[in-house]
């Protein structure tokens, strides 16, 4: 599984509509409105690296209201939540 974090600057007058449109794109698992330099962060999860261009370049970056994007690829996931769940299997 390939995970990418797409930081998005959107037109100020269309952030909620832009987020909704992004959330409906296949491969986009979550969209967050955030504070700071970016307006939205989309989490893209796809099976094959080769599909990144289709999802991010051809769909996310062209969504209505998107002004600019920057993408960060995840190398490895570290999550206390996931570790706790794995080690508690079978324990009551």
N, C-alpha and C. Protein backbone atom coordinates (compact mmCIF):
# COMPACT_ATOMS: atom_id res chain seq x y z
N UNK A 1 0.84 -1.18 0.00
CA UNK A 1 0.00 0.00 0.00
C UNK A 1 0.89 1.24 0.00
N UNK A 2 0.60 2.17 -0.87
CA UNK A 2 1.32 3.44 -0.96
C UNK A 2 0.45 4.51 -0.30
N UNK A 3 1.06 5.27 0.61
CA UNK A 3 0.35 6.36 1.28
C UNK A 3 1.03 7.67 0.95
N UNK A 4 0.23 8.65 0.56
CA UNK A 4 0.74 9.99 0.27
C UNK A 4 -0.09 11.01 1.02
N UNK A 5 0.58 12.06 1.47
CA UNK A 5 -0.08 13.18 2.13
C UNK A 5 0.00 14.36 1.17
N UNK A 6 -1.15 14.86 0.76
CA UNK A 6 -1.18 15.94 -0.22
C UNK A 6 -1.64 17.22 0.50
N UNK A 7 -0.72 18.18 0.60
CA UNK A 7 -1.04 19.47 1.18
C UNK A 7 -1.65 20.32 0.07
N UNK A 8 -2.77 20.96 0.39
CA UNK A 8 -3.55 21.65 -0.64
C UNK A 8 -3.87 23.08 -0.22
N UNK A 9 -3.59 24.01 -1.12
CA UNK A 9 -4.09 25.38 -0.97
C UNK A 9 -5.30 25.48 -1.88
N UNK A 10 -6.39 25.99 -1.31
CA UNK A 10 -7.65 26.09 -2.05
C UNK A 10 -8.13 27.53 -2.05
N UNK A 11 -9.00 27.85 -2.99
CA UNK A 11 -9.63 29.17 -2.98
C UNK A 11 -10.40 29.30 -1.67
N UNK A 12 -10.23 30.40 -1.00
CA UNK A 12 -10.83 30.62 0.31
C UNK A 12 -12.34 30.47 0.29
N UNK A 13 -12.97 30.87 -0.78
CA UNK A 13 -14.43 30.81 -0.84
C UNK A 13 -14.99 29.43 -1.18
N UNK A 14 -14.10 28.45 -1.37
CA UNK A 14 -14.60 27.13 -1.77
C UNK A 14 -13.97 25.97 -1.01
N UNK A 15 -13.42 26.23 0.16
CA UNK A 15 -12.72 25.16 0.90
C UNK A 15 -13.64 23.98 1.22
N UNK A 16 -14.82 24.19 1.79
CA UNK A 16 -15.67 23.02 2.11
C UNK A 16 -16.09 22.23 0.87
N UNK A 17 -16.45 22.94 -0.20
CA UNK A 17 -16.85 22.26 -1.43
C UNK A 17 -15.68 21.51 -2.06
N UNK A 18 -14.50 22.13 -2.00
CA UNK A 18 -13.29 21.49 -2.52
C UNK A 18 -12.99 20.22 -1.73
N UNK A 19 -13.07 20.30 -0.42
CA UNK A 19 -12.81 19.13 0.43
C UNK A 19 -13.79 18.01 0.12
N UNK A 20 -15.06 18.35 -0.08
CA UNK A 20 -16.06 17.33 -0.40
C UNK A 20 -15.74 16.66 -1.73
N UNK A 21 -15.40 17.45 -2.73
CA UNK A 21 -15.06 16.89 -4.04
C UNK A 21 -13.84 15.98 -3.95
N UNK A 22 -12.82 16.41 -3.20
CA UNK A 22 -11.62 15.60 -3.04
C UNK A 22 -11.93 14.28 -2.34
N UNK A 23 -12.80 14.31 -1.35
CA UNK A 23 -13.12 13.10 -0.59
C UNK A 23 -13.83 12.05 -1.44
N UNK A 24 -14.39 12.45 -2.57
CA UNK A 24 -15.10 11.53 -3.44
C UNK A 24 -14.21 10.89 -4.50
N UNK A 25 -12.94 11.26 -4.55
CA UNK A 25 -11.99 10.70 -5.53
C UNK A 25 -11.52 9.34 -5.05
N UNK A 26 -11.58 8.34 -5.95
CA UNK A 26 -11.05 7.01 -5.62
C UNK A 26 -9.58 7.13 -5.27
N UNK A 27 -9.21 6.57 -4.13
CA UNK A 27 -7.83 6.62 -3.67
C UNK A 27 -7.63 7.64 -2.57
N UNK A 28 -8.52 8.61 -2.46
CA UNK A 28 -8.44 9.59 -1.37
C UNK A 28 -9.22 9.01 -0.20
N UNK A 29 -8.51 8.69 0.88
CA UNK A 29 -9.18 8.05 2.01
C UNK A 29 -9.71 9.05 3.02
N UNK A 30 -9.05 10.21 3.15
CA UNK A 30 -9.47 11.22 4.12
C UNK A 30 -9.06 12.59 3.62
N UNK A 31 -9.84 13.60 4.01
CA UNK A 31 -9.49 15.00 3.73
C UNK A 31 -9.74 15.77 5.01
N UNK A 32 -8.74 16.55 5.42
CA UNK A 32 -8.83 17.35 6.64
C UNK A 32 -8.68 18.82 6.30
N UNK A 33 -9.50 19.67 6.91
CA UNK A 33 -9.23 21.11 6.87
C UNK A 33 -8.30 21.37 8.04
N UNK A 34 -7.27 22.18 7.80
CA UNK A 34 -6.22 22.36 8.80
C UNK A 34 -5.84 23.83 8.93
N UNK A 35 -5.15 24.14 10.02
CA UNK A 35 -4.61 25.48 10.20
C UNK A 35 -3.18 25.50 9.65
N UNK A 36 -2.63 26.69 9.51
CA UNK A 36 -1.25 26.80 9.04
C UNK A 36 -1.18 27.25 7.60
N UNK A 37 -0.11 26.85 6.94
CA UNK A 37 0.16 27.31 5.58
C UNK A 37 -0.75 26.68 4.53
N UNK A 38 -1.36 25.55 4.85
CA UNK A 38 -2.20 24.83 3.89
C UNK A 38 -3.64 24.88 4.37
N UNK A 39 -4.57 24.73 3.44
CA UNK A 39 -6.00 24.74 3.77
C UNK A 39 -6.54 23.35 4.04
N UNK A 40 -6.05 22.39 3.27
CA UNK A 40 -6.53 21.01 3.35
C UNK A 40 -5.35 20.05 3.29
N UNK A 41 -5.52 18.89 3.89
CA UNK A 41 -4.58 17.79 3.71
C UNK A 41 -5.40 16.57 3.31
N UNK A 42 -5.05 15.99 2.17
CA UNK A 42 -5.71 14.78 1.70
C UNK A 42 -4.76 13.61 1.90
N UNK A 43 -5.29 12.51 2.41
CA UNK A 43 -4.50 11.29 2.54
C UNK A 43 -4.92 10.37 1.40
N UNK A 44 -3.93 10.02 0.59
CA UNK A 44 -4.16 9.15 -0.56
C UNK A 44 -3.56 7.79 -0.25
N UNK A 45 -4.36 6.76 -0.39
CA UNK A 45 -3.88 5.39 -0.19
C UNK A 45 -4.25 4.57 -1.43
N UNK A 46 -3.21 4.07 -2.09
CA UNK A 46 -3.41 3.28 -3.31
C UNK A 46 -2.53 2.04 -3.26
N UNK A 47 -2.87 1.06 -4.05
CA UNK A 47 -2.12 -0.20 -4.04
C UNK A 47 -0.82 -0.12 -4.83
N UNK A 48 -0.80 0.65 -5.90
CA UNK A 48 0.35 0.64 -6.79
C UNK A 48 0.90 2.05 -6.98
N UNK A 49 2.21 2.17 -6.82
CA UNK A 49 2.90 3.46 -6.98
C UNK A 49 2.58 4.10 -8.32
N UNK A 50 2.45 3.30 -9.35
CA UNK A 50 2.20 3.80 -10.70
C UNK A 50 0.89 4.58 -10.80
N UNK A 51 -0.04 4.37 -9.86
CA UNK A 51 -1.34 5.05 -9.90
C UNK A 51 -1.30 6.44 -9.27
N UNK A 52 -0.18 6.82 -8.66
CA UNK A 52 -0.09 8.13 -8.01
C UNK A 52 -0.36 9.27 -8.99
N UNK A 53 0.22 9.20 -10.15
CA UNK A 53 0.04 10.28 -11.13
C UNK A 53 -1.42 10.45 -11.50
N UNK A 54 -2.13 9.36 -11.68
CA UNK A 54 -3.55 9.44 -12.02
C UNK A 54 -4.34 10.09 -10.90
N UNK A 55 -4.13 9.63 -9.67
CA UNK A 55 -4.92 10.13 -8.55
C UNK A 55 -4.54 11.57 -8.20
N UNK A 56 -3.25 11.83 -8.04
CA UNK A 56 -2.83 13.14 -7.54
C UNK A 56 -2.74 14.17 -8.67
N UNK A 57 -1.99 13.88 -9.71
CA UNK A 57 -1.79 14.87 -10.78
C UNK A 57 -3.03 15.09 -11.63
N UNK A 58 -3.75 14.02 -11.92
CA UNK A 58 -4.89 14.14 -12.83
C UNK A 58 -6.22 14.38 -12.14
N UNK A 59 -6.33 14.06 -10.86
CA UNK A 59 -7.63 14.22 -10.18
C UNK A 59 -7.56 15.25 -9.05
N UNK A 60 -6.69 15.02 -8.07
CA UNK A 60 -6.64 15.91 -6.90
C UNK A 60 -6.26 17.33 -7.32
N UNK A 61 -5.17 17.47 -8.06
CA UNK A 61 -4.70 18.81 -8.40
C UNK A 61 -5.62 19.56 -9.34
N UNK A 62 -6.52 18.84 -10.00
CA UNK A 62 -7.45 19.47 -10.94
C UNK A 62 -8.85 19.64 -10.36
N UNK A 63 -9.04 19.30 -9.10
CA UNK A 63 -10.35 19.47 -8.48
C UNK A 63 -10.69 20.95 -8.40
N UNK A 64 -11.96 21.26 -8.50
CA UNK A 64 -12.41 22.65 -8.46
C UNK A 64 -12.03 23.30 -7.15
N UNK A 65 -11.36 24.42 -7.22
CA UNK A 65 -10.95 25.17 -6.04
C UNK A 65 -9.51 24.95 -5.63
N UNK A 66 -8.86 23.90 -6.13
CA UNK A 66 -7.46 23.63 -5.78
C UNK A 66 -6.57 24.64 -6.51
N UNK A 67 -5.71 25.30 -5.73
CA UNK A 67 -4.80 26.30 -6.29
C UNK A 67 -3.37 25.76 -6.37
N UNK A 68 -2.96 25.00 -5.36
CA UNK A 68 -1.58 24.50 -5.28
C UNK A 68 -1.55 23.22 -4.45
N UNK A 69 -0.66 22.31 -4.80
CA UNK A 69 -0.48 21.09 -4.00
C UNK A 69 1.00 20.80 -3.80
N UNK A 70 1.29 20.13 -2.71
CA UNK A 70 2.60 19.55 -2.45
C UNK A 70 2.35 18.17 -1.89
N UNK A 71 3.08 17.19 -2.40
CA UNK A 71 2.85 15.80 -2.01
C UNK A 71 4.04 15.24 -1.25
N UNK A 72 3.76 14.53 -0.17
CA UNK A 72 4.77 13.83 0.62
C UNK A 72 4.41 12.35 0.64
N UNK A 73 5.37 11.49 0.27
CA UNK A 73 5.14 10.04 0.30
C UNK A 73 5.60 9.48 1.63
N UNK A 74 4.83 8.56 2.17
CA UNK A 74 5.18 7.91 3.43
C UNK A 74 6.09 6.72 3.13
N UNK A 75 7.15 6.58 3.92
CA UNK A 75 8.03 5.42 3.81
C UNK A 75 7.55 4.29 4.70
N UNK A 76 7.18 4.63 5.92
CA UNK A 76 6.81 3.63 6.92
C UNK A 76 5.81 4.26 7.87
N UNK A 77 4.89 3.46 8.38
CA UNK A 77 3.89 3.98 9.32
C UNK A 77 4.24 3.52 10.73
N UNK A 78 4.15 4.44 11.65
CA UNK A 78 4.33 4.16 13.07
C UNK A 78 3.08 4.66 13.77
N UNK A 79 2.39 3.77 14.46
CA UNK A 79 1.16 4.17 15.12
C UNK A 79 1.02 3.41 16.42
N UNK A 80 0.96 4.10 17.53
CA UNK A 80 0.76 3.45 18.82
C UNK A 80 -0.57 2.71 18.83
N UNK A 81 -1.58 3.30 18.19
CA UNK A 81 -2.89 2.67 18.12
C UNK A 81 -2.80 1.30 17.46
N UNK A 82 -2.10 1.21 16.33
CA UNK A 82 -1.95 -0.06 15.63
C UNK A 82 -1.14 -1.05 16.46
N UNK A 83 -0.07 -0.59 17.11
CA UNK A 83 0.75 -1.48 17.93
C UNK A 83 -0.04 -2.02 19.12
N UNK A 84 -0.79 -1.18 19.79
CA UNK A 84 -1.61 -1.62 20.91
C UNK A 84 -2.60 -2.68 20.48
N UNK A 85 -3.23 -2.47 19.32
CA UNK A 85 -4.22 -3.44 18.83
C UNK A 85 -3.56 -4.77 18.51
N UNK A 86 -2.38 -4.76 17.91
CA UNK A 86 -1.69 -5.98 17.53
C UNK A 86 -1.27 -6.79 18.77
N UNK A 87 -0.76 -6.12 19.79
CA UNK A 87 -0.27 -6.82 20.97
C UNK A 87 -1.39 -7.24 21.92
N UNK A 88 -2.58 -6.72 21.70
CA UNK A 88 -3.68 -7.10 22.59
C UNK A 88 -4.54 -8.22 22.01
N UNK A 89 -4.18 -8.73 20.84
CA UNK A 89 -4.95 -9.81 20.26
C UNK A 89 -4.98 -11.02 21.17
N UNK A 90 -6.16 -11.50 21.46
CA UNK A 90 -6.29 -12.69 22.29
C UNK A 90 -6.28 -12.42 23.76
N UNK A 91 -6.04 -11.20 24.17
CA UNK A 91 -6.02 -10.85 25.59
C UNK A 91 -7.38 -10.32 26.01
N UNK A 92 -7.84 -10.74 27.14
CA UNK A 92 -9.13 -10.27 27.65
C UNK A 92 -8.90 -9.45 28.88
